[in-house]
Protein backbone atom coordinates (compact mmCIF):
# COMPACT_ATOMS: atom_id res chain seq x y z
CA MET A 1 -62.36 -82.46 110.15
CA ASP A 2 -58.99 -83.84 111.69
CA THR A 3 -56.00 -80.61 111.09
CA ARG A 4 -52.23 -81.25 111.55
CA LEU A 5 -49.41 -78.95 111.29
CA GLY A 6 -46.28 -79.15 109.00
CA VAL A 7 -43.13 -77.88 107.88
CA LYS A 8 -41.23 -77.44 104.67
CA GLY A 9 -37.56 -76.15 103.81
CA LEU A 10 -36.37 -74.07 101.54
CA ILE A 11 -32.35 -74.66 101.56
CA VAL A 12 -30.41 -72.21 100.22
CA ARG A 13 -27.03 -72.97 99.04
CA ASP A 14 -24.47 -70.41 96.70
CA GLY A 15 -27.93 -68.98 94.61
CA THR A 16 -29.23 -72.02 94.73
CA PHE A 17 -31.64 -74.41 96.39
CA LEU A 18 -32.27 -77.79 97.35
CA VAL A 19 -34.90 -79.81 95.67
CA LEU A 20 -36.48 -83.43 96.09
CA VAL A 21 -37.69 -85.41 93.55
CA LYS A 22 -40.27 -88.63 95.09
CA PRO A 23 -40.82 -91.78 93.12
CA ASN A 24 -43.43 -90.32 91.56
CA GLY A 25 -41.44 -87.51 89.73
CA ARG A 26 -43.17 -84.95 92.05
CA PHE A 27 -41.06 -82.38 93.24
CA ASP A 28 -40.44 -80.98 96.85
CA LEU A 29 -39.39 -79.58 99.58
CA PRO A 30 -37.15 -80.70 103.18
CA GLY A 31 -40.35 -81.24 105.35
CA GLY A 32 -43.68 -83.18 107.16
CA ARG A 33 -45.74 -82.75 109.74
CA VAL A 34 -45.02 -81.85 113.34
CA LYS A 35 -45.08 -84.06 116.01
CA PRO A 36 -48.28 -82.98 119.36
CA ASP A 37 -45.67 -81.23 121.30
CA GLU A 38 -43.47 -79.82 119.06
CA SER A 39 -41.67 -76.98 118.02
CA LEU A 40 -41.99 -76.29 114.37
CA THR A 41 -38.56 -75.49 113.65
CA HIS A 42 -37.63 -78.44 116.32
CA ALA A 43 -39.45 -80.76 113.73
CA LEU A 44 -38.61 -78.62 110.81
CA TYR A 45 -34.73 -79.47 111.76
CA ARG A 46 -35.17 -83.46 112.43
CA GLU A 47 -37.20 -83.52 108.53
CA ILE A 48 -34.67 -81.96 106.84
CA MET A 49 -31.80 -84.50 108.85
CA GLU A 50 -34.27 -87.99 108.60
CA GLU A 51 -34.76 -86.85 104.29
CA THR A 52 -31.49 -85.30 103.65
CA GLY A 53 -28.83 -85.80 106.69
CA ILE A 54 -27.90 -82.47 105.91
CA SER A 55 -27.85 -79.99 109.00
CA ALA A 56 -29.02 -76.46 107.51
CA SER A 57 -30.01 -74.06 109.74
CA ILE A 58 -33.40 -71.94 109.93
CA LYS A 59 -33.60 -68.43 109.16
CA ASN A 60 -37.34 -66.60 108.25
CA LEU A 61 -40.95 -68.54 107.47
CA ILE A 62 -41.24 -67.65 103.86
CA THR A 63 -44.78 -68.25 103.63
CA GLN A 64 -48.01 -70.51 105.06
CA TRP A 65 -50.42 -72.56 102.88
CA THR A 66 -52.87 -75.74 103.57
CA PHE A 67 -53.22 -78.63 102.03
CA ILE A 68 -55.68 -81.17 102.22
CA ASN A 69 -54.10 -85.06 102.47
CA LYS A 70 -56.75 -87.28 102.13
CA VAL A 71 -60.47 -86.43 102.96
CA ASN A 72 -61.37 -85.39 106.78
CA LEU A 73 -57.17 -84.28 106.57
CA VAL A 74 -56.12 -80.56 107.14
CA ILE A 75 -52.34 -79.71 107.09
CA ASN A 76 -51.59 -76.02 107.59
CA GLY A 77 -47.98 -75.75 107.04
CA PHE A 78 -45.31 -73.29 106.96
CA THR A 79 -42.35 -73.19 105.22
CA TYR A 80 -38.90 -71.57 105.89
CA GLY A 81 -36.08 -70.28 104.56
CA CYS A 82 -32.51 -72.40 105.56
CA LYS A 83 -29.55 -71.72 105.06
CA TYR A 84 -26.80 -75.45 104.50
CA GLN A 85 -24.92 -75.64 107.19
CA LYS A 86 -22.84 -79.01 106.32
CA GLY A 87 -23.02 -82.54 105.24
CA LYS A 88 -22.89 -84.80 102.20
CA ILE A 89 -27.12 -85.77 101.13
CA ARG A 90 -27.95 -89.27 102.00
CA LEU A 91 -31.86 -89.77 100.69
CA SER A 92 -34.19 -90.87 103.09
CA PRO A 93 -36.15 -94.03 101.73
CA GLU A 94 -39.01 -90.77 100.43
CA HIS A 95 -37.24 -89.49 98.01
CA VAL A 96 -35.06 -90.97 94.67
CA SER A 97 -33.01 -88.22 93.43
CA TYR A 98 -32.32 -84.72 94.48
CA PHE A 99 -31.18 -80.98 92.30
CA TRP A 100 -29.48 -77.65 93.24
CA ALA A 101 -31.81 -75.18 91.40
CA PRO A 102 -31.19 -71.58 90.53
CA PHE A 103 -33.60 -69.18 92.13
CA ILE A 104 -35.40 -68.22 88.38
CA SER A 105 -36.82 -71.44 88.75
CA LEU A 106 -38.45 -71.30 91.96
CA ASP A 107 -41.96 -69.95 90.60
CA HIS A 108 -41.53 -72.47 87.49
CA LEU A 109 -41.33 -75.69 89.65
CA ASP A 110 -44.37 -77.53 91.40
CA LEU A 111 -43.51 -77.49 94.62
CA LYS A 112 -47.20 -77.65 96.36
CA PRO A 113 -48.63 -77.78 98.69
CA SER A 114 -45.69 -74.97 99.71
CA ALA A 115 -45.67 -73.19 96.95
CA ASN A 116 -46.64 -69.47 96.64
CA MET A 117 -43.33 -69.00 96.95
CA ASP A 118 -41.51 -64.88 95.93
CA SER A 119 -38.15 -65.54 95.54
CA GLN A 120 -37.47 -61.63 96.67
CA LEU A 121 -38.66 -62.70 99.93
CA ILE A 122 -36.62 -65.24 100.97
CA HIS A 123 -33.70 -63.84 103.08
CA VAL A 124 -31.26 -65.92 104.45
């Protein structure tokens, strides 16, 4: 079975967090796969910029997760708490829209595979 690394960023701004929407309507956090010889944080900075065009600082690891993407492909992932720094959101073709959600909705949005995040663990 092939195993790869993935990263996601829970980007916080003014008591809300960034949610991206995929073409199929599923909710997502900015992130993606880690390239060979790339650190987790470098991959996350790159993915945030590629998918949103904004700058964010990475603060702390929130959760780890495992996702079976396809037959014989397992992604071991890491979701980090991030703080919005600057920039206007410019979505990549991977997403069709976005919104800033209040933390109260964190447990109610389907953000798999980066789910299981307790809003009390997020200190950014």
